[in-house]
């Protein structure tokens, strides 16, 4: 499937590449995991050979990412409570949402921006942001900042590796596991320390 996407991209005019860039970034926010990061790296190789320009490509990807984020946000805001109460998403509970809300209250911008660099969690965070009813304009702004930084990095990587873009797949996969594991470890340590402090007091 990925090879066919790459082949199709190679044959598209610039406007078509921008549209695909938008759609790939949009879908990734709703149906993870998807090969969007690797596709953006390949699109970066097209930027490197002059098929399309860097800035409009990064902007198209960022608009797609923010549009996907906004879609998941509004689904969470409008239907999230019902979805959780009916148990359609087993790993998300009301008690977990209350904790997430407190994290958002304390680290709002950092969570939204940093989440862009963690593959596989983007849809969850945007969905949770909608359920907890974070202010949308500010949340969308942070999402755009994180998306532009991450998408620009992927495109730049593609510009550097050229025809060796497939090698980035292994790097991105390893990075995703390491980064996610690190965040989970930090969260566990934080929760344990907080509970110990409560027990002592």
C-alpha atoms as a PDB file:
ATOM      1  CA  UNK A   1       0.000   0.000   0.000  1.00  0.00           C
ATOM      2  CA  UNK A   2       2.743   2.442   0.964  1.00  0.00           C
ATOM      3  CA  UNK A   3       4.664   1.762  -2.240  1.00  0.00           C
ATOM      4  CA  UNK A   4       1.575   2.523  -4.327  1.00  0.00           C
ATOM      5  CA  UNK A   5       1.060   5.804  -2.459  1.00  0.00           C
ATOM      6  CA  UNK A   6       4.669   6.777  -3.119  1.00  0.00           C
ATOM      7  CA  UNK A   7       4.362   5.855  -6.806  1.00  0.00           C
ATOM      8  CA  UNK A   8       1.199   7.943  -7.143  1.00  0.00           C
ATOM      9  CA  UNK A   9       2.827  10.917  -5.423  1.00  0.00           C
ATOM     10  CA  UNK A  10       5.787  10.787  -7.797  1.00  0.00           C
ATOM     11  CA  UNK A  11       3.454  11.239 -10.753  1.00  0.00           C
ATOM     12  CA  UNK A  12       1.363  14.109  -9.369  1.00  0.00           C
ATOM     13  CA  UNK A  13       1.659  17.815 -10.255  1.00  0.00           C
ATOM     14  CA  UNK A  14       2.552  20.220  -7.374  1.00  0.00           C
ATOM     15  CA  UNK A  15      -1.094  21.032  -6.583  1.00  0.00           C
ATOM     16  CA  UNK A  16      -1.863  17.321  -6.288  1.00  0.00           C
ATOM     17  CA  UNK A  17       1.088  16.802  -3.954  1.00  0.00           C
ATOM     18  CA  UNK A  18      -0.184  19.588  -1.694  1.00  0.00           C
ATOM     19  CA  UNK A  19      -3.653  18.035  -1.590  1.00  0.00           C
ATOM     20  CA  UNK A  20      -2.270  14.589  -0.739  1.00  0.00           C
ATOM     21  CA  UNK A  21      -0.020  16.144   1.898  1.00  0.00           C
ATOM     22  CA  UNK A  22      -3.068  17.763   3.515  1.00  0.00           C
ATOM     23  CA  UNK A  23      -5.147  14.558   3.385  1.00  0.00           C
ATOM     24  CA  UNK A  24      -2.386  12.302   4.739  1.00  0.00           C
ATOM     25  CA  UNK A  25      -1.791  14.632   7.695  1.00  0.00           C
ATOM     26  CA  UNK A  26      -5.547  14.928   8.286  1.00  0.00           C
ATOM     27  CA  UNK A  27      -6.281  11.182   8.276  1.00  0.00           C
ATOM     28  CA  UNK A  28      -3.375  10.405  10.623  1.00  0.00           C
ATOM     29  CA  UNK A  29      -5.069  12.383  13.378  1.00  0.00           C
ATOM     30  CA  UNK A  30      -8.243  10.305  13.127  1.00  0.00           C
ATOM     31  CA  UNK A  31      -7.083   6.786  12.273  1.00  0.00           C
ATOM     32  CA  UNK A  32      -3.683   6.113  13.838  1.00  0.00           C
ATOM     33  CA  UNK A  33      -1.372   4.483  13.219  1.00  0.00           C
ATOM     34  CA  UNK A  34      -0.948   5.498   9.596  1.00  0.00           C
ATOM     35  CA  UNK A  35       2.147   5.908   7.420  1.00  0.00           C
ATOM     36  CA  UNK A  36       1.738   9.701   7.297  1.00  0.00           C
ATOM     37  CA  UNK A  37       5.117  10.476   8.852  1.00  0.00           C
ATOM     38  CA  UNK A  38       6.956   8.309   6.346  1.00  0.00           C
ATOM     39  CA  UNK A  39       4.918   9.733   3.461  1.00  0.00           C
ATOM     40  CA  UNK A  40       5.902  13.243   4.573  1.00  0.00           C
ATOM     41  CA  UNK A  41       9.542  12.151   4.556  1.00  0.00           C
ATOM     42  CA  UNK A  42       9.135  10.984   0.961  1.00  0.00           C
ATOM     43  CA  UNK A  43       7.414  14.264   0.064  1.00  0.00           C
ATOM     44  CA  UNK A  44      10.506  15.910   1.528  1.00  0.00           C
ATOM     45  CA  UNK A  45      12.563  14.164  -1.156  1.00  0.00           C
ATOM     46  CA  UNK A  46      10.317  15.795  -3.761  1.00  0.00           C
ATOM     47  CA  UNK A  47      11.003  19.123  -2.080  1.00  0.00           C
ATOM     48  CA  UNK A  48      14.718  18.366  -2.243  1.00  0.00           C
ATOM     49  CA  UNK A  49      14.681  17.856  -6.018  1.00  0.00           C
ATOM     50  CA  UNK A  50      12.571  20.967  -6.591  1.00  0.00           C
ATOM     51  CA  UNK A  51       9.222  19.366  -7.489  1.00  0.00           C
ATOM     52  CA  UNK A  52       7.500  21.423  -4.778  1.00  0.00           C
ATOM     53  CA  UNK A  53       8.667  24.176  -2.434  1.00  0.00           C
ATOM     54  CA  UNK A  54       9.360  23.636   1.258  1.00  0.00           C
ATOM     55  CA  UNK A  55       7.116  26.281   2.872  1.00  0.00           C
ATOM     56  CA  UNK A  56       3.829  25.557   1.056  1.00  0.00           C
ATOM     57  CA  UNK A  57       4.378  21.829   1.626  1.00  0.00           C
ATOM     58  CA  UNK A  58       4.922  22.349   5.363  1.00  0.00           C
ATOM     59  CA  UNK A  59       1.888  24.643   5.501  1.00  0.00           C
ATOM     60  CA  UNK A  60      -0.305  22.100   3.682  1.00  0.00           C
ATOM     61  CA  UNK A  61       0.770  19.381   6.122  1.00  0.00           C
ATOM     62  CA  UNK A  62       0.151  21.672   9.097  1.00  0.00           C
ATOM     63  CA  UNK A  63      -3.332  22.621   7.895  1.00  0.00           C
ATOM     64  CA  UNK A  64      -4.102  18.922   7.513  1.00  0.00           C
ATOM     65  CA  UNK A  65      -2.812  18.135  10.998  1.00  0.00           C
ATOM     66  CA  UNK A  66      -4.805  20.956  12.601  1.00  0.00           C
ATOM     67  CA  UNK A  67      -7.952  20.045  10.650  1.00  0.00           C
ATOM     68  CA  UNK A  68      -7.621  16.443  11.839  1.00  0.00           C
ATOM     69  CA  UNK A  69      -6.994  17.620  15.392  1.00  0.00           C
ATOM     70  CA  UNK A  70     -10.056  19.870  15.230  1.00  0.00           C
ATOM     71  CA  UNK A  71     -12.252  17.044  13.916  1.00  0.00           C
ATOM     72  CA  UNK A  72     -11.236  14.705  16.758  1.00  0.00           C
ATOM     73  CA  UNK A  73     -11.607  17.594  19.228  1.00  0.00           C
ATOM     74  CA  UNK A  74     -15.192  18.348  18.212  1.00  0.00           C
ATOM     75  CA  UNK A  75     -16.128  14.659  18.144  1.00  0.00           C
ATOM     76  CA  UNK A  76     -14.836  14.437  21.702  1.00  0.00           C
ATOM     77  CA  UNK A  77     -16.576  17.632  22.738  1.00  0.00           C
ATOM     78  CA  UNK A  78     -19.961  16.655  21.307  1.00  0.00           C
ATOM     79  CA  UNK A  79     -20.057  12.877  21.730  1.00  0.00           C
ATOM     80  CA  UNK A  80     -17.129  12.066  24.007  1.00  0.00           C
ATOM     81  CA  UNK A  81     -19.018  11.583  27.268  1.00  0.00           C
ATOM     82  CA  UNK A  82     -21.546   9.283  25.606  1.00  0.00           C
ATOM     83  CA  UNK A  83     -18.770   7.270  23.950  1.00  0.00           C
ATOM     84  CA  UNK A  84     -16.936   6.858  27.270  1.00  0.00           C
ATOM     85  CA  UNK A  85     -20.053   6.016  29.304  1.00  0.00           C
ATOM     86  CA  UNK A  86     -21.063   3.322  26.803  1.00  0.00           C
ATOM     87  CA  UNK A  87     -17.572   1.828  27.023  1.00  0.00           C
ATOM     88  CA  UNK A  88     -16.827   2.105  23.303  1.00  0.00           C
ATOM     89  CA  UNK A  89     -13.268   3.139  24.134  1.00  0.00           C
ATOM     90  CA  UNK A  90     -12.299   0.695  26.944  1.00  0.00           C
ATOM     91  CA  UNK A  91      -8.968   2.300  27.872  1.00  0.00           C
ATOM     92  CA  UNK A  92     -10.518   5.749  28.488  1.00  0.00           C
ATOM     93  CA  UNK A  93     -12.601   6.090  31.659  1.00  0.00           C
ATOM     94  CA  UNK A  94     -14.247   9.014  33.443  1.00  0.00           C
ATOM     95  CA  UNK A  95     -11.629   8.880  36.204  1.00  0.00           C
ATOM     96  CA  UNK A  96      -8.838   8.941  33.633  1.00  0.00           C
ATOM     97  CA  UNK A  97     -10.439  11.945  31.957  1.00  0.00           C
ATOM     98  CA  UNK A  98     -10.493  13.777  35.285  1.00  0.00           C
ATOM     99  CA  UNK A  99      -6.740  13.195  35.615  1.00  0.00           C
ATOM    100  CA  UNK A 100      -6.161  14.286  32.026  1.00  0.00           C
ATOM    101  CA  UNK A 101      -8.153  17.432  32.693  1.00  0.00           C
ATOM    102  CA  UNK A 102      -5.890  18.290  35.631  1.00  0.00           C
ATOM    103  CA  UNK A 103      -2.821  17.688  33.451  1.00  0.00           C
ATOM    104  CA  UNK A 104      -4.286  19.970  30.792  1.00  0.00           C
ATOM    105  CA  UNK A 105      -4.945  22.629  33.410  1.00  0.00           C
ATOM    106  CA  UNK A 106      -1.316  22.560  34.493  1.00  0.00           C
ATOM    107  CA  UNK A 107       0.545  21.780  31.264  1.00  0.00           C
ATOM    108  CA  UNK A 108      -1.956  22.752  28.557  1.00  0.00           C
ATOM    109  CA  UNK A 109       0.379  24.120  25.891  1.00  0.00           C
ATOM    110  CA  UNK A 110       3.218  21.681  26.553  1.00  0.00           C
ATOM    111  CA  UNK A 111       0.945  18.634  26.256  1.00  0.00           C
ATOM    112  CA  UNK A 112      -0.649  19.788  23.000  1.00  0.00           C
ATOM    113  CA  UNK A 113       2.656  20.784  21.396  1.00  0.00           C
ATOM    114  CA  UNK A 114       4.623  17.798  22.699  1.00  0.00           C
ATOM    115  CA  UNK A 115       1.912  15.351  21.683  1.00  0.00           C
ATOM    116  CA  UNK A 116       2.681  16.045  18.027  1.00  0.00           C
ATOM    117  CA  UNK A 117       6.056  14.346  18.499  1.00  0.00           C
ATOM    118  CA  UNK A 118       4.476  11.145  19.856  1.00  0.00           C
ATOM    119  CA  UNK A 119       3.136   8.914  17.106  1.00  0.00           C
ATOM    120  CA  UNK A 120      -0.070   7.063  17.945  1.00  0.00           C
ATOM    121  CA  UNK A 121      -1.287   9.407  20.702  1.00  0.00           C
ATOM    122  CA  UNK A 122      -2.348  12.376  18.593  1.00  0.00           C
ATOM    123  CA  UNK A 123      -5.960  11.293  18.117  1.00  0.00           C
ATOM    124  CA  UNK A 124      -6.288  10.389  21.804  1.00  0.00           C
ATOM    125  CA  UNK A 125      -5.046  13.768  23.023  1.00  0.00           C
ATOM    126  CA  UNK A 126      -7.225  15.751  20.619  1.00  0.00           C
ATOM    127  CA  UNK A 127     -10.246  13.610  21.560  1.00  0.00           C
ATOM    128  CA  UNK A 128      -9.521  14.103  25.270  1.00  0.00           C
ATOM    129  CA  UNK A 129      -9.061  17.845  24.735  1.00  0.00           C
ATOM    130  CA  UNK A 130     -12.558  17.983  23.276  1.00  0.00           C
ATOM    131  CA  UNK A 131     -14.130  15.946  26.073  1.00  0.00           C
ATOM    132  CA  UNK A 132     -12.537  18.143  28.748  1.00  0.00           C
ATOM    133  CA  UNK A 133     -13.667  21.219  26.783  1.00  0.00           C
ATOM    134  CA  UNK A 134     -10.341  22.996  26.572  1.00  0.00           C
ATOM    135  CA  UNK A 135     -10.631  26.446  24.939  1.00  0.00           C
ATOM    136  CA  UNK A 136     -10.555  25.631  21.225  1.00  0.00           C
ATOM    137  CA  UNK A 137      -8.742  28.706  19.797  1.00  0.00           C
ATOM    138  CA  UNK A 138      -5.815  28.374  22.192  1.00  0.00           C
ATOM    139  CA  UNK A 139      -5.713  24.596  21.791  1.00  0.00           C
ATOM    140  CA  UNK A 140      -5.763  24.841  17.987  1.00  0.00           C
ATOM    141  CA  UNK A 141      -2.946  27.400  18.128  1.00  0.00           C
ATOM    142  CA  UNK A 142      -0.755  25.059  20.176  1.00  0.00           C
ATOM    143  CA  UNK A 143      -1.650  22.215  17.832  1.00  0.00           C
ATOM    144  CA  UNK A 144      -0.546  24.299  14.852  1.00  0.00           C
ATOM    145  CA  UNK A 145       2.783  25.145  16.507  1.00  0.00           C
ATOM    146  CA  UNK A 146       3.568  21.502  17.257  1.00  0.00           C
ATOM    147  CA  UNK A 147       2.353  20.311  13.858  1.00  0.00           C
ATOM    148  CA  UNK A 148       4.396  22.858  11.926  1.00  0.00           C
ATOM    149  CA  UNK A 149       7.555  22.006  13.865  1.00  0.00           C
ATOM    150  CA  UNK A 150       7.132  18.226  13.448  1.00  0.00           C
ATOM    151  CA  UNK A 151       6.014  18.302   9.820  1.00  0.00           C
ATOM    152  CA  UNK A 152       8.846  20.666   8.898  1.00  0.00           C
ATOM    153  CA  UNK A 153      11.316  18.300  10.563  1.00  0.00           C
ATOM    154  CA  UNK A 154       9.990  15.313   8.591  1.00  0.00           C
ATOM    155  CA  UNK A 155      10.114  17.201   5.298  1.00  0.00           C
ATOM    156  CA  UNK A 156      13.640  18.413   6.054  1.00  0.00           C
ATOM    157  CA  UNK A 157      14.699  14.831   6.813  1.00  0.00           C
ATOM    158  CA  UNK A 158      13.352  13.765   3.437  1.00  0.00           C
ATOM    159  CA  UNK A 159      15.315  16.535   1.763  1.00  0.00           C
ATOM    160  CA  UNK A 160      18.496  15.219   3.382  1.00  0.00           C
ATOM    161  CA  UNK A 161      18.127  11.479   2.763  1.00  0.00           C
ATOM    162  CA  UNK A 162      16.886  11.679  -0.833  1.00  0.00           C
ATOM    163  CA  UNK A 163      16.319   8.223  -2.333  1.00  0.00           C
ATOM    164  CA  UNK A 164      17.192   6.585   0.995  1.00  0.00           C
ATOM    165  CA  UNK A 165      13.875   7.763   2.487  1.00  0.00           C
ATOM    166  CA  UNK A 166      12.884   4.168   3.408  1.00  0.00           C
ATOM    167  CA  UNK A 167      15.665   4.103   6.014  1.00  0.00           C
ATOM    168  CA  UNK A 168      13.788   6.754   7.988  1.00  0.00           C
ATOM    169  CA  UNK A 169      10.952   4.295   8.654  1.00  0.00           C
ATOM    170  CA  UNK A 170      13.114   2.326  11.096  1.00  0.00           C
ATOM    171  CA  UNK A 171      14.298   5.523  12.773  1.00  0.00           C
ATOM    172  CA  UNK A 172      10.760   6.862  13.184  1.00  0.00           C
ATOM    173  CA  UNK A 173       9.505   3.548  14.562  1.00  0.00           C
ATOM    174  CA  UNK A 174      12.319   3.365  17.107  1.00  0.00           C
ATOM    175  CA  UNK A 175      11.839   7.016  18.029  1.00  0.00           C
ATOM    176  CA  UNK A 176       8.106   6.519  18.558  1.00  0.00           C
ATOM    177  CA  UNK A 177       8.611   3.610  20.957  1.00  0.00           C
ATOM    178  CA  UNK A 178      11.399   5.337  22.895  1.00  0.00           C
ATOM    179  CA  UNK A 179       9.602   8.673  23.174  1.00  0.00           C
ATOM    180  CA  UNK A 180       6.297   7.119  24.203  1.00  0.00           C
ATOM    181  CA  UNK A 181       8.018   4.838  26.722  1.00  0.00           C
ATOM    182  CA  UNK A 182       9.867   7.798  28.206  1.00  0.00           C
ATOM    183  CA  UNK A 183       6.678   9.830  28.599  1.00  0.00           C
ATOM    184  CA  UNK A 184       4.831   6.899  30.199  1.00  0.00           C
ATOM    185  CA  UNK A 185       7.730   6.324  32.611  1.00  0.00           C
ATOM    186  CA  UNK A 186       7.788   9.983  33.630  1.00  0.00           C
ATOM    187  CA  UNK A 187       4.023   9.948  34.199  1.00  0.00           C
ATOM    188  CA  UNK A 188       4.244   6.794  36.343  1.00  0.00           C
ATOM    189  CA  UNK A 189       7.055   8.279  38.445  1.00  0.00           C
ATOM    190  CA  UNK A 190       5.071  11.500  38.837  1.00  0.00           C
ATOM    191  CA  UNK A 191       1.938   9.631  39.993  1.00  0.00           C
ATOM    192  CA  UNK A 192       3.883   7.418  42.431  1.00  0.00           C
ATOM    193  CA  UNK A 193       5.674  10.412  43.993  1.00  0.00           C
ATOM    194  CA  UNK A 194       2.408  12.297  44.332  1.00  0.00           C
ATOM    195  CA  UNK A 195       0.706   9.356  46.059  1.00  0.00           C
ATOM    196  CA  UNK A 196       3.650   8.943  48.444  1.00  0.00           C
ATOM    197  CA  UNK A 197       3.454  12.588  49.403  1.00  0.00           C
ATOM    198  CA  UNK A 198      -0.257  12.207  50.138  1.00  0.00           C
ATOM    199  CA  UNK A 199       0.338   9.114  52.264  1.00  0.00           C
ATOM    200  CA  UNK A 200       3.074  10.887  54.267  1.00  0.00           C
ATOM    201  CA  UNK A 201       0.927  13.951  54.863  1.00  0.00           C
END
